[in-house]
Amino acid sequence: MSAEARAEDLAAMERLWCHYLTLAQELLKFIRREDIEEFLALAAQRGKVVSDMQALPEGTLPAFRQTPTCEALLAQIKPLDMQLLYLAKAWLNKSRRQTAQVQAYNFTAESLNPLGNIVNRKY
């Protein structure tokens, strides 16, 4: 591999990491607003960026990780990814809790006993 091609691959990797950082910032913004549709669309875009990184020639990522630019980008990305993970888990737990509450009050004709149900157990 020529030095020129390697430099182009490193520049492409840097662009992809910058795009990844931008997407992480946007993901954080949308999950805080609880705009899940947009969040999922951005997560798909971020997945495409990761697949584009993996499509670059082998050895590009290890070479890029040794650069100061990569260290600076990773220092910005890691806290964002931790916040995203925490907020996504919190949203998922909240969503599960709300779904369980809705299902607890979901009475249909099939779920009712024809002999009667005791809805309020306090007499």
PDB file of N, CA and C in Angstrom:
ATOM      1  N   MET A   1       0.854  -1.179   0.000  1.00  0.00           N
ATOM      2  CA  MET A   1       0.000   0.000   0.000  1.00  0.00           C
ATOM      3  C   MET A   1       0.896   1.236   0.000  1.00  0.00           C
ATOM      4  N   SER A   2       0.606   2.145  -0.884  1.00  0.00           N
ATOM      5  CA  SER A   2       1.417   3.352  -0.983  1.00  0.00           C
ATOM      6  C   SER A   2       1.100   4.288   0.174  1.00  0.00           C
ATOM      7  N   ALA A   3       2.021   5.191   0.415  1.00  0.00           N
ATOM      8  CA  ALA A   3       1.844   6.159   1.498  1.00  0.00           C
ATOM      9  C   ALA A   3       0.678   7.092   1.200  1.00  0.00           C
ATOM     10  N   GLU A   4       0.464   7.374  -0.074  1.00  0.00           N
ATOM     11  CA  GLU A   4      -0.634   8.258  -0.467  1.00  0.00           C
ATOM     12  C   GLU A   4      -1.993   7.594  -0.203  1.00  0.00           C
ATOM     13  N   ALA A   5      -2.093   6.316  -0.550  1.00  0.00           N
ATOM     14  CA  ALA A   5      -3.346   5.579  -0.318  1.00  0.00           C
ATOM     15  C   ALA A   5      -3.606   5.435   1.174  1.00  0.00           C
ATOM     16  N   ARG A   6      -2.551   5.197   1.929  1.00  0.00           N
ATOM     17  CA  ARG A   6      -2.699   5.076   3.392  1.00  0.00           C
ATOM     18  C   ARG A   6      -3.155   6.400   3.994  1.00  0.00           C
ATOM     19  N   ALA A   7      -2.619   7.510   3.515  1.00  0.00           N
ATOM     20  CA  ALA A   7      -3.028   8.824   4.013  1.00  0.00           C
ATOM     21  C   ALA A   7      -4.492   9.098   3.678  1.00  0.00           C
ATOM     22  N   GLU A   8      -4.928   8.677   2.489  1.00  0.00           N
ATOM     23  CA  GLU A   8      -6.333   8.845   2.120  1.00  0.00           C
ATOM     24  C   GLU A   8      -7.244   8.006   3.013  1.00  0.00           C
ATOM     25  N   ASP A   9      -6.805   6.781   3.331  1.00  0.00           N
ATOM     26  CA  ASP A   9      -7.596   5.919   4.212  1.00  0.00           C
ATOM     27  C   ASP A   9      -7.690   6.513   5.620  1.00  0.00           C
ATOM     28  N   LEU A  10      -6.577   7.072   6.094  1.00  0.00           N
ATOM     29  CA  LEU A  10      -6.588   7.699   7.419  1.00  0.00           C
ATOM     30  C   LEU A  10      -7.492   8.933   7.434  1.00  0.00           C
ATOM     31  N   ALA A  11      -7.488   9.693   6.345  1.00  0.00           N
ATOM     32  CA  ALA A  11      -8.364  10.870   6.252  1.00  0.00           C
ATOM     33  C   ALA A  11      -9.827  10.436   6.213  1.00  0.00           C
ATOM     34  N   ALA A  12     -10.106   9.343   5.501  1.00  0.00           N
ATOM     35  CA  ALA A  12     -11.481   8.826   5.455  1.00  0.00           C
ATOM     36  C   ALA A  12     -11.913   8.338   6.831  1.00  0.00           C
ATOM     37  N   MET A  13     -10.999   7.684   7.543  1.00  0.00           N
ATOM     38  CA  MET A  13     -11.311   7.203   8.896  1.00  0.00           C
ATOM     39  C   MET A  13     -11.582   8.378   9.829  1.00  0.00           C
ATOM     40  N   GLU A  14     -10.800   9.439   9.703  1.00  0.00           N
ATOM     41  CA  GLU A  14     -11.010  10.628  10.533  1.00  0.00           C
ATOM     42  C   GLU A  14     -12.378  11.254  10.249  1.00  0.00           C
ATOM     43  N   ARG A  15     -12.753  11.345   8.978  1.00  0.00           N
ATOM     44  CA  ARG A  15     -14.079  11.889   8.622  1.00  0.00           C
ATOM     45  C   ARG A  15     -15.190  11.039   9.226  1.00  0.00           C
ATOM     46  N   LEU A  16     -15.029   9.719   9.149  1.00  0.00           N
ATOM     47  CA  LEU A  16     -16.052   8.825   9.692  1.00  0.00           C
ATOM     48  C   LEU A  16     -16.165   8.964  11.206  1.00  0.00           C
ATOM     49  N   TRP A  17     -15.031   9.099  11.882  1.00  0.00           N
ATOM     50  CA  TRP A  17     -15.074   9.277  13.341  1.00  0.00           C
ATOM     51  C   TRP A  17     -15.704  10.618  13.714  1.00  0.00           C
ATOM     52  N   CYS A  18     -15.435  11.647  12.937  1.00  0.00           N
ATOM     53  CA  CYS A  18     -16.073  12.954  13.189  1.00  0.00           C
ATOM     54  C   CYS A  18     -17.584  12.852  12.966  1.00  0.00           C
ATOM     55  N   HIS A  19     -17.977  12.128  11.943  1.00  0.00           N
ATOM     56  CA  HIS A  19     -19.407  11.915  11.677  1.00  0.00           C
ATOM     57  C   HIS A  19     -20.029  11.112  12.821  1.00  0.00           C
ATOM     58  N   TYR A  20     -19.318  10.123  13.321  1.00  0.00           N
ATOM     59  CA  TYR A  20     -19.784   9.324  14.449  1.00  0.00           C
ATOM     60  C   TYR A  20     -19.999  10.212  15.681  1.00  0.00           C
ATOM     61  N   LEU A  21     -19.069  11.115  15.932  1.00  0.00           N
ATOM     62  CA  LEU A  21     -19.195  12.050  17.057  1.00  0.00           C
ATOM     63  C   LEU A  21     -20.429  12.925  16.891  1.00  0.00           C
ATOM     64  N   THR A  22     -20.629  13.460  15.698  1.00  0.00           N
ATOM     65  CA  THR A  22     -21.803  14.302  15.431  1.00  0.00           C
ATOM     66  C   THR A  22     -23.090  13.520  15.649  1.00  0.00           C
ATOM     67  N   LEU A  23     -23.132  12.286  15.171  1.00  0.00           N
ATOM     68  CA  LEU A  23     -24.321  11.458  15.348  1.00  0.00           C
ATOM     69  C   LEU A  23     -24.560  11.146  16.825  1.00  0.00           C
ATOM     70  N   ALA A  24     -23.496  10.922  17.580  1.00  0.00           N
ATOM     71  CA  ALA A  24     -23.650  10.666  19.018  1.00  0.00           C
ATOM     72  C   ALA A  24     -24.247  11.884  19.715  1.00  0.00           C
ATOM     73  N   GLN A  25     -23.799  13.067  19.344  1.00  0.00           N
ATOM     74  CA  GLN A  25     -24.358  14.295  19.930  1.00  0.00           C
ATOM     75  C   GLN A  25     -25.834  14.445  19.571  1.00  0.00           C
ATOM     76  N   GLU A  26     -26.179  14.152  18.333  1.00  0.00           N
ATOM     77  CA  GLU A  26     -27.576  14.252  17.900  1.00  0.00           C
ATOM     78  C   GLU A  26     -28.440  13.181  18.579  1.00  0.00           C
ATOM     79  N   LEU A  27     -27.908  11.976  18.710  1.00  0.00           N
ATOM     80  CA  LEU A  27     -28.644  10.921  19.397  1.00  0.00           C
ATOM     81  C   LEU A  27     -28.977  11.334  20.826  1.00  0.00           C
ATOM     82  N   LEU A  28     -28.021  11.937  21.492  1.00  0.00           N
ATOM     83  CA  LEU A  28     -28.234  12.397  22.868  1.00  0.00           C
ATOM     84  C   LEU A  28     -29.330  13.452  22.922  1.00  0.00           C
ATOM     85  N   LYS A  29     -29.319  14.336  21.962  1.00  0.00           N
ATOM     86  CA  LYS A  29     -30.333  15.391  21.910  1.00  0.00           C
ATOM     87  C   LYS A  29     -31.736  14.802  21.746  1.00  0.00           C
ATOM     88  N   PHE A  30     -31.883  13.830  20.845  1.00  0.00           N
ATOM     89  CA  PHE A  30     -33.202  13.284  20.558  1.00  0.00           C
ATOM     90  C   PHE A  30     -33.700  12.331  21.629  1.00  0.00           C
ATOM     91  N   ILE A  31     -32.788  11.628  22.299  1.00  0.00           N
ATOM     92  CA  ILE A  31     -33.268  10.743  23.362  1.00  0.00           C
ATOM     93  C   ILE A  31     -33.696  11.555  24.575  1.00  0.00           C
ATOM     94  N   ARG A  32     -33.071  12.687  24.778  1.00  0.00           N
ATOM     95  CA  ARG A  32     -33.510  13.564  25.884  1.00  0.00           C
ATOM     96  C   ARG A  32     -34.897  14.131  25.608  1.00  0.00           C
ATOM     97  N   ARG A  33     -35.202  14.365  24.341  1.00  0.00           N
ATOM     98  CA  ARG A  33     -36.537  14.854  23.960  1.00  0.00           C
ATOM     99  C   ARG A  33     -37.558  13.720  23.890  1.00  0.00           C
ATOM    100  N   GLU A  34     -37.069  12.487  24.011  1.00  0.00           N
ATOM    101  CA  GLU A  34     -37.877  11.275  23.885  1.00  0.00           C
ATOM    102  C   GLU A  34     -38.524  11.179  22.502  1.00  0.00           C
ATOM    103  N   ASP A  35     -37.792  11.628  21.496  1.00  0.00           N
ATOM    104  CA  ASP A  35     -38.214  11.486  20.102  1.00  0.00           C
ATOM    105  C   ASP A  35     -37.581  10.196  19.580  1.00  0.00           C
ATOM    106  N   ILE A  36     -38.240   9.090  19.872  1.00  0.00           N
ATOM    107  CA  ILE A  36     -37.647   7.784  19.634  1.00  0.00           C
ATOM    108  C   ILE A  36     -37.537   7.455  18.145  1.00  0.00           C
ATOM    109  N   GLU A  37     -38.499   7.898  17.342  1.00  0.00           N
ATOM    110  CA  GLU A  37     -38.421   7.607  15.906  1.00  0.00           C
ATOM    111  C   GLU A  37     -37.162   8.224  15.299  1.00  0.00           C
ATOM    112  N   GLU A  38     -36.910   9.484  15.627  1.00  0.00           N
ATOM    113  CA  GLU A  38     -35.712  10.152  15.103  1.00  0.00           C
ATOM    114  C   GLU A  38     -34.456   9.517  15.696  1.00  0.00           C
ATOM    115  N   PHE A  39     -34.513   9.147  16.970  1.00  0.00           N
ATOM    116  CA  PHE A  39     -33.391   8.486  17.625  1.00  0.00           C
ATOM    117  C   PHE A  39     -33.034   7.194  16.891  1.00  0.00           C
ATOM    118  N   LEU A  40     -34.042   6.392  16.561  1.00  0.00           N
ATOM    119  CA  LEU A  40     -33.783   5.134  15.871  1.00  0.00           C
ATOM    120  C   LEU A  40     -33.246   5.357  14.456  1.00  0.00           C
ATOM    121  N   ALA A  41     -33.728   6.404  13.794  1.00  0.00           N
ATOM    122  CA  ALA A  41     -33.213   6.725  12.460  1.00  0.00           C
ATOM    123  C   ALA A  41     -31.735   7.120  12.535  1.00  0.00           C
ATOM    124  N   LEU A  42     -31.395   7.915  13.542  1.00  0.00           N
ATOM    125  CA  LEU A  42     -29.992   8.315  13.717  1.00  0.00           C
ATOM    126  C   LEU A  42     -29.127   7.124  14.121  1.00  0.00           C
ATOM    127  N   ALA A  43     -29.673   6.222  14.925  1.00  0.00           N
ATOM    128  CA  ALA A  43     -28.925   5.026  15.323  1.00  0.00           C
ATOM    129  C   ALA A  43     -28.615   4.169  14.097  1.00  0.00           C
ATOM    130  N   ALA A  44     -29.552   4.101  13.158  1.00  0.00           N
ATOM    131  CA  ALA A  44     -29.305   3.363  11.915  1.00  0.00           C
ATOM    132  C   ALA A  44     -28.194   4.028  11.106  1.00  0.00           C
ATOM    133  N   GLN A  45     -28.204   5.362  11.073  1.00  0.00           N
ATOM    134  CA  GLN A  45     -27.132   6.085  10.364  1.00  0.00           C
ATOM    135  C   GLN A  45     -25.785   5.806  11.015  1.00  0.00           C
ATOM    136  N   ARG A  46     -25.780   5.765  12.355  1.00  0.00           N
ATOM    137  CA  ARG A  46     -24.529   5.500  13.068  1.00  0.00           C
ATOM    138  C   ARG A  46     -24.043   4.085  12.765  1.00  0.00           C
ATOM    139  N   GLY A  47     -24.968   3.146  12.645  1.00  0.00           N
ATOM    140  CA  GLY A  47     -24.595   1.787  12.260  1.00  0.00           C
ATOM    141  C   GLY A  47     -23.962   1.743  10.882  1.00  0.00           C
ATOM    142  N   LYS A  48     -24.477   2.575   9.968  1.00  0.00           N
ATOM    143  CA  LYS A  48     -23.893   2.658   8.615  1.00  0.00           C
ATOM    144  C   LYS A  48     -22.479   3.229   8.677  1.00  0.00           C
ATOM    145  N   VAL A  49     -22.261   4.217   9.536  1.00  0.00           N
ATOM    146  CA  VAL A  49     -20.920   4.790   9.683  1.00  0.00           C
ATOM    147  C   VAL A  49     -19.953   3.722  10.192  1.00  0.00           C
ATOM    148  N   VAL A  50     -20.390   2.927  11.151  1.00  0.00           N
ATOM    149  CA  VAL A  50     -19.535   1.861  11.681  1.00  0.00           C
ATOM    150  C   VAL A  50     -19.222   0.842  10.592  1.00  0.00           C
ATOM    151  N   SER A  51     -20.213   0.479   9.783  1.00  0.00           N
ATOM    152  CA  SER A  51     -19.947  -0.477   8.697  1.00  0.00           C
ATOM    153  C   SER A  51     -19.011   0.131   7.654  1.00  0.00           C
ATOM    154  N   ASP A  52     -19.113   1.448   7.428  1.00  0.00           N
ATOM    155  CA  ASP A  52     -18.177   2.116   6.513  1.00  0.00           C
ATOM    156  C   ASP A  52     -16.757   2.089   7.076  1.00  0.00           C
ATOM    157  N   MET A  53     -16.628   2.227   8.403  1.00  0.00           N
ATOM    158  CA  MET A  53     -15.298   2.141   9.029  1.00  0.00           C
ATOM    159  C   MET A  53     -14.714   0.752   8.832  1.00  0.00           C
ATOM    160  N   GLN A  54     -15.566  -0.259   8.994  1.00  0.00           N
ATOM    161  CA  GLN A  54     -15.095  -1.635   8.859  1.00  0.00           C
ATOM    162  C   GLN A  54     -14.754  -1.968   7.408  1.00  0.00           C
ATOM    163  N   ALA A  55     -15.334  -1.234   6.456  1.00  0.00           N
ATOM    164  CA  ALA A  55     -15.082  -1.497   5.039  1.00  0.00           C
ATOM    165  C   ALA A  55     -13.737  -0.944   4.572  1.00  0.00           C
ATOM    166  N   LEU A  56     -13.148  -0.064   5.350  1.00  0.00           N
ATOM    167  CA  LEU A  56     -11.834   0.468   4.970  1.00  0.00           C
ATOM    168  C   LEU A  56     -10.791  -0.637   5.053  1.00  0.00           C
ATOM    169  N   PRO A  57      -9.688  -0.484   4.347  1.00  0.00           N
ATOM    170  CA  PRO A  57      -8.657  -1.534   4.344  1.00  0.00           C
ATOM    171  C   PRO A  57      -8.189  -1.897   5.756  1.00  0.00           C
ATOM    172  N   GLU A  58      -7.871  -3.179   5.895  1.00  0.00           N
ATOM    173  CA  GLU A  58      -7.405  -3.681   7.179  1.00  0.00           C
ATOM    174  C   GLU A  58      -6.133  -2.947   7.601  1.00  0.00           C
ATOM    175  N   GLY A  59      -6.052  -2.619   8.847  1.00  0.00           N
ATOM    176  CA  GLY A  59      -4.892  -1.909   9.370  1.00  0.00           C
ATOM    177  C   GLY A  59      -5.098  -0.410   9.459  1.00  0.00           C
ATOM    178  N   THR A  60      -6.168   0.091   8.861  1.00  0.00           N
ATOM    179  CA  THR A  60      -6.428   1.532   8.911  1.00  0.00           C
ATOM    180  C   THR A  60      -6.834   1.957  10.312  1.00  0.00           C
ATOM    181  N   LEU A  61      -7.723   1.179  10.947  1.00  0.00           N
ATOM    182  CA  LEU A  61      -8.182   1.541  12.285  1.00  0.00           C
ATOM    183  C   LEU A  61      -7.055   1.513  13.307  1.00  0.00           C
ATOM    184  N   PRO A  62      -6.234   0.444  13.364  1.00  0.00           N
ATOM    185  CA  PRO A  62      -5.126   0.479  14.322  1.00  0.00           C
ATOM    186  C   PRO A  62      -4.167   1.650  14.084  1.00  0.00           C
ATOM    187  N   ALA A  63      -3.933   1.976  12.830  1.00  0.00           N
ATOM    188  CA  ALA A  63      -3.044   3.109  12.522  1.00  0.00           C
ATOM    189  C   ALA A  63      -3.681   4.419  12.957  1.00  0.00           C
ATOM    190  N   PHE A  64      -4.987   4.552  12.751  1.00  0.00           N
ATOM    191  CA  PHE A  64      -5.668   5.790  13.136  1.00  0.00           C
ATOM    192  C   PHE A  64      -5.746   5.927  14.651  1.00  0.00           C
ATOM    193  N   ARG A  65      -5.904   4.807  15.361  1.00  0.00           N
ATOM    194  CA  ARG A  65      -6.023   4.862  16.826  1.00  0.00           C
ATOM    195  C   ARG A  65      -4.758   5.397  17.485  1.00  0.00           C
ATOM    196  N   GLN A  66      -3.642   5.363  16.802  1.00  0.00           N
ATOM    197  CA  GLN A  66      -2.388   5.841  17.368  1.00  0.00           C
ATOM    198  C   GLN A  66      -2.179   7.338  17.153  1.00  0.00           C
ATOM    199  N   THR A  67      -3.107   7.983  16.484  1.00  0.00           N
ATOM    200  CA  THR A  67      -2.948   9.407  16.201  1.00  0.00           C
ATOM    201  C   THR A  67      -3.551  10.245  17.336  1.00  0.00           C
ATOM    202  N   PRO A  68      -3.043  11.444  17.548  1.00  0.00           N
ATOM    203  CA  PRO A  68      -3.618  12.336  18.569  1.00  0.00           C
ATOM    204  C   PRO A  68      -5.059  12.753  18.245  1.00  0.00           C
ATOM    205  N   THR A  69      -5.377  12.816  16.958  1.00  0.00           N
ATOM    206  CA  THR A  69      -6.739  13.166  16.554  1.00  0.00           C
ATOM    207  C   THR A  69      -7.722  12.128  17.070  1.00  0.00           C
ATOM    208  N   CYS A  70      -7.359  10.861  16.946  1.00  0.00           N
ATOM    209  CA  CYS A  70      -8.227   9.781  17.415  1.00  0.00           C
ATOM    210  C   CYS A  70      -8.399   9.856  18.928  1.00  0.00           C
ATOM    211  N   GLU A  71      -7.330  10.106  19.636  1.00  0.00           N
ATOM    212  CA  GLU A  71      -7.417  10.210  21.095  1.00  0.00           C
ATOM    213  C   GLU A  71      -8.350  11.340  21.509  1.00  0.00           C
ATOM    214  N   ALA A  72      -8.285  12.461  20.808  1.00  0.00           N
ATOM    215  CA  ALA A  72      -9.165  13.590  21.121  1.00  0.00           C
ATOM    216  C   ALA A  72     -10.622  13.255  20.820  1.00  0.00           C
ATOM    217  N   LEU A  73     -10.849  12.597  19.685  1.00  0.00           N
ATOM    218  CA  LEU A  73     -12.218  12.204  19.330  1.00  0.00           C
ATOM    219  C   LEU A  73     -12.780  11.191  20.320  1.00  0.00           C
ATOM    220  N   LEU A  74     -11.975  10.216  20.689  1.00  0.00           N
ATOM    221  CA  LEU A  74     -12.439   9.207  21.642  1.00  0.00           C
ATOM    222  C   LEU A  74     -12.729   9.815  23.009  1.00  0.00           C
ATOM    223  N   ALA A  75     -11.947  10.814  23.397  1.00  0.00           N
ATOM    224  CA  ALA A  75     -12.201  11.492  24.674  1.00  0.00           C
ATOM    225  C   ALA A  75     -13.560  12.193  24.659  1.00  0.00           C
ATOM    226  N   GLN A  76     -14.008  12.631  23.507  1.00  0.00           N
ATOM    227  CA  GLN A  76     -15.325  13.260  23.387  1.00  0.00           C
ATOM    228  C   GLN A  76     -16.433  12.227  23.233  1.00  0.00           C
ATOM    229  N   ILE A  77     -16.150  11.136  22.541  1.00  0.00           N
ATOM    230  CA  ILE A  77     -17.178  10.140  22.223  1.00  0.00           C
ATOM    231  C   ILE A  77     -17.523   9.267  23.424  1.00  0.00           C
ATOM    232  N   LYS A  78     -16.543   8.846  24.194  1.00  0.00           N
ATOM    233  CA  LYS A  78     -16.796   7.910  25.294  1.00  0.00           C
ATOM    234  C   LYS A  78     -17.837   8.433  26.293  1.00  0.00           C
ATOM    235  N   PRO A  79     -17.732   9.672  26.772  1.00  0.00           N
ATOM    236  CA  PRO A  79     -18.768  10.143  27.706  1.00  0.00           C
ATOM    237  C   PRO A  79     -20.149  10.226  27.069  1.00  0.00           C
ATOM    238  N   LEU A  80     -20.201  10.583  25.792  1.00  0.00           N
ATOM    239  CA  LEU A  80     -21.485  10.644  25.099  1.00  0.00           C
ATOM    240  C   LEU A  80     -22.103   9.250  24.988  1.00  0.00           C
ATOM    241  N   ASP A  81     -21.287   8.258  24.658  1.00  0.00           N
ATOM    242  CA  ASP A  81     -21.798   6.897  24.552  1.00  0.00           C
ATOM    243  C   ASP A  81     -22.287   6.381  25.906  1.00  0.00           C
ATOM    244  N   MET A  82     -21.605   6.749  26.973  1.00  0.00           N
ATOM    245  CA  MET A  82     -22.050   6.337  28.311  1.00  0.00           C
ATOM    246  C   MET A  82     -23.389   6.986  28.650  1.00  0.00           C
ATOM    247  N   GLN A  83     -23.542   8.267  28.341  1.00  0.00           N
ATOM    248  CA  GLN A  83     -24.814   8.949  28.582  1.00  0.00           C
ATOM    249  C   GLN A  83     -25.924   8.337  27.736  1.00  0.00           C
ATOM    250  N   LEU A  84     -25.626   8.045  26.478  1.00  0.00           N
ATOM    251  CA  LEU A  84     -26.613   7.424  25.600  1.00  0.00           C
ATOM    252  C   LEU A  84     -27.068   6.077  26.144  1.00  0.00           C
ATOM    253  N   LEU A  85     -26.122   5.280  26.594  1.00  0.00           N
ATOM    254  CA  LEU A  85     -26.449   3.973  27.139  1.00  0.00           C
ATOM    255  C   LEU A  85     -27.340   4.110  28.371  1.00  0.00           C
ATOM    256  N   TYR A  86     -26.986   5.016  29.257  1.00  0.00           N
ATOM    257  CA  TYR A  86     -27.775   5.231  30.472  1.00  0.00           C
ATOM    258  C   TYR A  86     -29.189   5.715  30.132  1.00  0.00           C
ATOM    259  N   LEU A  87     -29.290   6.709  29.262  1.00  0.00           N
ATOM    260  CA  LEU A  87     -30.606   7.247  28.909  1.00  0.00           C
ATOM    261  C   LEU A  87     -31.454   6.242  28.131  1.00  0.00           C
ATOM    262  N   ALA A  88     -30.823   5.456  27.272  1.00  0.00           N
ATOM    263  CA  ALA A  88     -31.566   4.443  26.514  1.00  0.00           C
ATOM    264  C   ALA A  88     -32.112   3.370  27.458  1.00  0.00           C
ATOM    265  N   LYS A  89     -31.312   2.948  28.432  1.00  0.00           N
ATOM    266  CA  LYS A  89     -31.788   1.969  29.409  1.00  0.00           C
ATOM    267  C   LYS A  89     -32.914   2.553  30.252  1.00  0.00           C
ATOM    268  N   ALA A  90     -32.782   3.806  30.658  1.00  0.00           N
ATOM    269  CA  ALA A  90     -33.831   4.451  31.448  1.00  0.00           C
ATOM    270  C   ALA A  90     -35.119   4.557  30.637  1.00  0.00           C
ATOM    271  N   TRP A  91     -35.005   4.928  29.358  1.00  0.00           N
ATOM    272  CA  TRP A  91     -36.193   5.021  28.509  1.00  0.00           C
ATOM    273  C   TRP A  91     -36.837   3.647  28.335  1.00  0.00           C
ATOM    274  N   LEU A  92     -36.016   2.622  28.132  1.00  0.00           N
ATOM    275  CA  LEU A  92     -36.540   1.274  27.951  1.00  0.00           C
ATOM    276  C   LEU A  92     -37.271   0.798  29.204  1.00  0.00           C
ATOM    277  N   ASN A  93     -36.679   1.039  30.373  1.00  0.00           N
ATOM    278  CA  ASN A  93     -37.335   0.652  31.624  1.00  0.00           C
ATOM    279  C   ASN A  93     -38.648   1.396  31.807  1.00  0.00           C
ATOM    280  N   LYS A  94     -38.657   2.686  31.499  1.00  0.00           N
ATOM    281  CA  LYS A  94     -39.875   3.483  31.614  1.00  0.00           C
ATOM    282  C   LYS A  94     -40.945   2.958  30.653  1.00  0.00           C
ATOM    283  N   SER A  95     -40.541   2.628  29.447  1.00  0.00           N
ATOM    284  CA  SER A  95     -41.468   2.113  28.451  1.00  0.00           C
ATOM    285  C   SER A  95     -42.040   0.765  28.881  1.00  0.00           C
ATOM    286  N   ARG A  96     -41.207  -0.097  29.410  1.00  0.00           N
ATOM    287  CA  ARG A  96     -41.681  -1.399  29.899  1.00  0.00           C
ATOM    288  C   ARG A  96     -42.662  -1.231  31.057  1.00  0.00           C
ATOM    289  N   ARG A  97     -42.345  -0.313  31.955  1.00  0.00           N
ATOM    290  CA  ARG A  97     -43.219  -0.060  33.096  1.00  0.00           C
ATOM    291  C   ARG A  97     -44.577   0.454  32.633  1.00  0.00           C
ATOM    292  N   GLN A  98     -44.572   1.375  31.672  1.00  0.00           N
ATOM    293  CA  GLN A  98     -45.829   1.911  31.147  1.00  0.00           C
ATOM    294  C   GLN A  98     -46.627   0.827  30.430  1.00  0.00           C
ATOM    295  N   THR A  99     -45.955  -0.020  29.680  1.00  0.00           N
ATOM    296  CA  THR A  99     -46.638  -1.112  28.979  1.00  0.00           C
ATOM    297  C   THR A  99     -47.254  -2.079  29.986  1.00  0.00           C
ATOM    298  N   ALA A 100     -46.531  -2.386  31.049  1.00  0.00           N
ATOM    299  CA  ALA A 100     -47.064  -3.286  32.071  1.00  0.00           C
ATOM    300  C   ALA A 100     -48.290  -2.676  32.746  1.00  0.00           C
ATOM    301  N   GLN A 101     -48.265  -1.355  32.984  1.00  0.00           N
ATOM    302  CA  GLN A 101     -49.418  -0.697  33.598  1.00  0.00           C
ATOM    303  C   GLN A 101     -50.621  -0.739  32.666  1.00  0.00           C
ATOM    304  N   VAL A 102     -50.411  -0.515  31.394  1.00  0.00           N
ATOM    305  CA  VAL A 102     -51.507  -0.554  30.432  1.00  0.00           C
ATOM    306  C   VAL A 102     -52.083  -1.959  30.365  1.00  0.00           C
ATOM    307  N   GLN A 103     -51.225  -2.955  30.328  1.00  0.00           N
ATOM    308  CA  GLN A 103     -51.704  -4.329  30.245  1.00  0.00           C
ATOM    309  C   GLN A 103     -52.407  -4.770  31.519  1.00  0.00           C
ATOM    310  N   ALA A 104     -52.050  -4.198  32.659  1.00  0.00           N
ATOM    311  CA  ALA A 104     -52.711  -4.545  33.911  1.00  0.00           C
ATOM    312  C   ALA A 104     -54.166  -4.098  33.907  1.00  0.00           C
ATOM    313  N   TYR A 105     -54.475  -3.038  33.187  1.00  0.00           N
ATOM    314  CA  TYR A 105     -55.839  -2.525  33.118  1.00  0.00           C
ATOM    315  C   TYR A 105     -56.562  -2.942  31.838  1.00  0.00           C
ATOM    316  N   ASN A 106     -55.954  -3.803  31.080  1.00  0.00           N
ATOM    317  CA  ASN A 106     -56.529  -4.221  29.813  1.00  0.00           C
ATOM    318  C   ASN A 106     -57.512  -5.369  30.055  1.00  0.00           C
ATOM    319  N   PHE A 107     -58.799  -5.061  30.084  1.00  0.00           N
ATOM    320  CA  PHE A 107     -59.832  -6.074  30.247  1.00  0.00           C
ATOM    321  C   PHE A 107     -60.549  -6.244  28.921  1.00  0.00           C
ATOM    322  N   THR A 108     -60.561  -7.447  28.448  1.00  0.00           N
ATOM    323  CA  THR A 108     -61.323  -7.750  27.242  1.00  0.00           C
ATOM    324  C   THR A 108     -62.327  -8.843  27.590  1.00  0.00           C
ATOM    325  N   ALA A 109     -63.271  -9.075  26.707  1.00  0.00           N
ATOM    326  CA  ALA A 109     -64.300 -10.077  26.962  1.00  0.00           C
ATOM    327  C   ALA A 109     -63.679 -11.459  27.167  1.00  0.00           C
ATOM    328  N   GLU A 110     -62.590 -11.760  26.469  1.00  0.00           N
ATOM    329  CA  GLU A 110     -61.955 -13.067  26.612  1.00  0.00           C
ATOM    330  C   GLU A 110     -61.271 -13.223  27.959  1.00  0.00           C
ATOM    331  N   SER A 111     -60.792 -12.113  28.542  1.00  0.00           N
ATOM    332  CA  SER A 111     -60.063 -12.213  29.797  1.00  0.00           C
ATOM    333  C   SER A 111     -60.975 -12.204  31.012  1.00  0.00           C
ATOM    334  N   LEU A 112     -62.247 -11.878  30.837  1.00  0.00           N
ATOM    335  CA  LEU A 112     -63.175 -11.842  31.965  1.00  0.00           C
ATOM    336  C   LEU A 112     -63.782 -13.221  32.199  1.00  0.00           C
ATOM    337  N   ASN A 113     -63.911 -13.569  33.437  1.00  0.00           N
ATOM    338  CA  ASN A 113     -64.521 -14.827  33.831  1.00  0.00           C
ATOM    339  C   ASN A 113     -66.039 -14.681  33.755  1.00  0.00           C
ATOM    340  N   PRO A 114     -66.750 -15.579  33.071  1.00  0.00           N
ATOM    341  CA  PRO A 114     -68.201 -15.434  32.955  1.00  0.00           C
ATOM    342  C   PRO A 114     -68.913 -15.546  34.311  1.00  0.00           C
ATOM    343  N   LEU A 115     -68.256 -16.133  35.298  1.00  0.00           N
ATOM    344  CA  LEU A 115     -68.858 -16.245  36.624  1.00  0.00           C
ATOM    345  C   LEU A 115     -68.622 -14.996  37.460  1.00  0.00           C
ATOM    346  N   GLY A 116     -67.817 -14.083  36.962  1.00  0.00           N
ATOM    347  CA  GLY A 116     -67.561 -12.833  37.678  1.00  0.00           C
ATOM    348  C   GLY A 116     -66.093 -12.674  38.038  1.00  0.00           C
ATOM    349  N   ASN A 117     -65.676 -11.459  38.165  1.00  0.00           N
ATOM    350  CA  ASN A 117     -64.312 -11.123  38.551  1.00  0.00           C
ATOM    351  C   ASN A 117     -64.376 -10.172  39.732  1.00  0.00           C
ATOM    352  N   ILE A 118     -63.423 -10.306  40.592  1.00  0.00           N
ATOM    353  CA  ILE A 118     -63.293  -9.344  41.681  1.00  0.00           C
ATOM    354  C   ILE A 118     -62.199  -8.370  41.244  1.00  0.00           C
ATOM    355  N   VAL A 119     -62.628  -7.161  40.875  1.00  0.00           N
ATOM    356  CA  VAL A 119     -61.684  -6.159  40.403  1.00  0.00           C
ATOM    357  C   VAL A 119     -61.032  -5.469  41.588  1.00  0.00           C
ATOM    358  N   ASN A 120     -61.829  -5.150  42.589  1.00  0.00           N
ATOM    359  CA  ASN A 120     -61.320  -4.477  43.783  1.00  0.00           C
ATOM    360  C   ASN A 120     -61.360  -5.476  44.920  1.00  0.00           C
ATOM    361  N   ARG A 121     -60.194  -5.869  45.386  1.00  0.00           N
ATOM    362  CA  ARG A 121     -60.138  -6.904  46.420  1.00  0.00           C
ATOM    363  C   ARG A 121     -60.421  -6.359  47.815  1.00  0.00           C
ATOM    364  N   LYS A 122     -60.486  -5.053  47.956  1.00  0.00           N
ATOM    365  CA  LYS A 122     -60.856  -4.472  49.246  1.00  0.00           C
ATOM    366  C   LYS A 122     -62.379  -4.437  49.320  1.00  0.00           C
ATOM    367  N   TYR A 123     -62.974  -5.142  50.233  1.00  0.00           N
ATOM    368  CA  TYR A 123     -64.438  -5.235  50.318  1.00  0.00           C
ATOM    369  C   TYR A 123     -65.001  -4.071  51.087  1.00  0.00           C
TER     370      TYR A 123
END
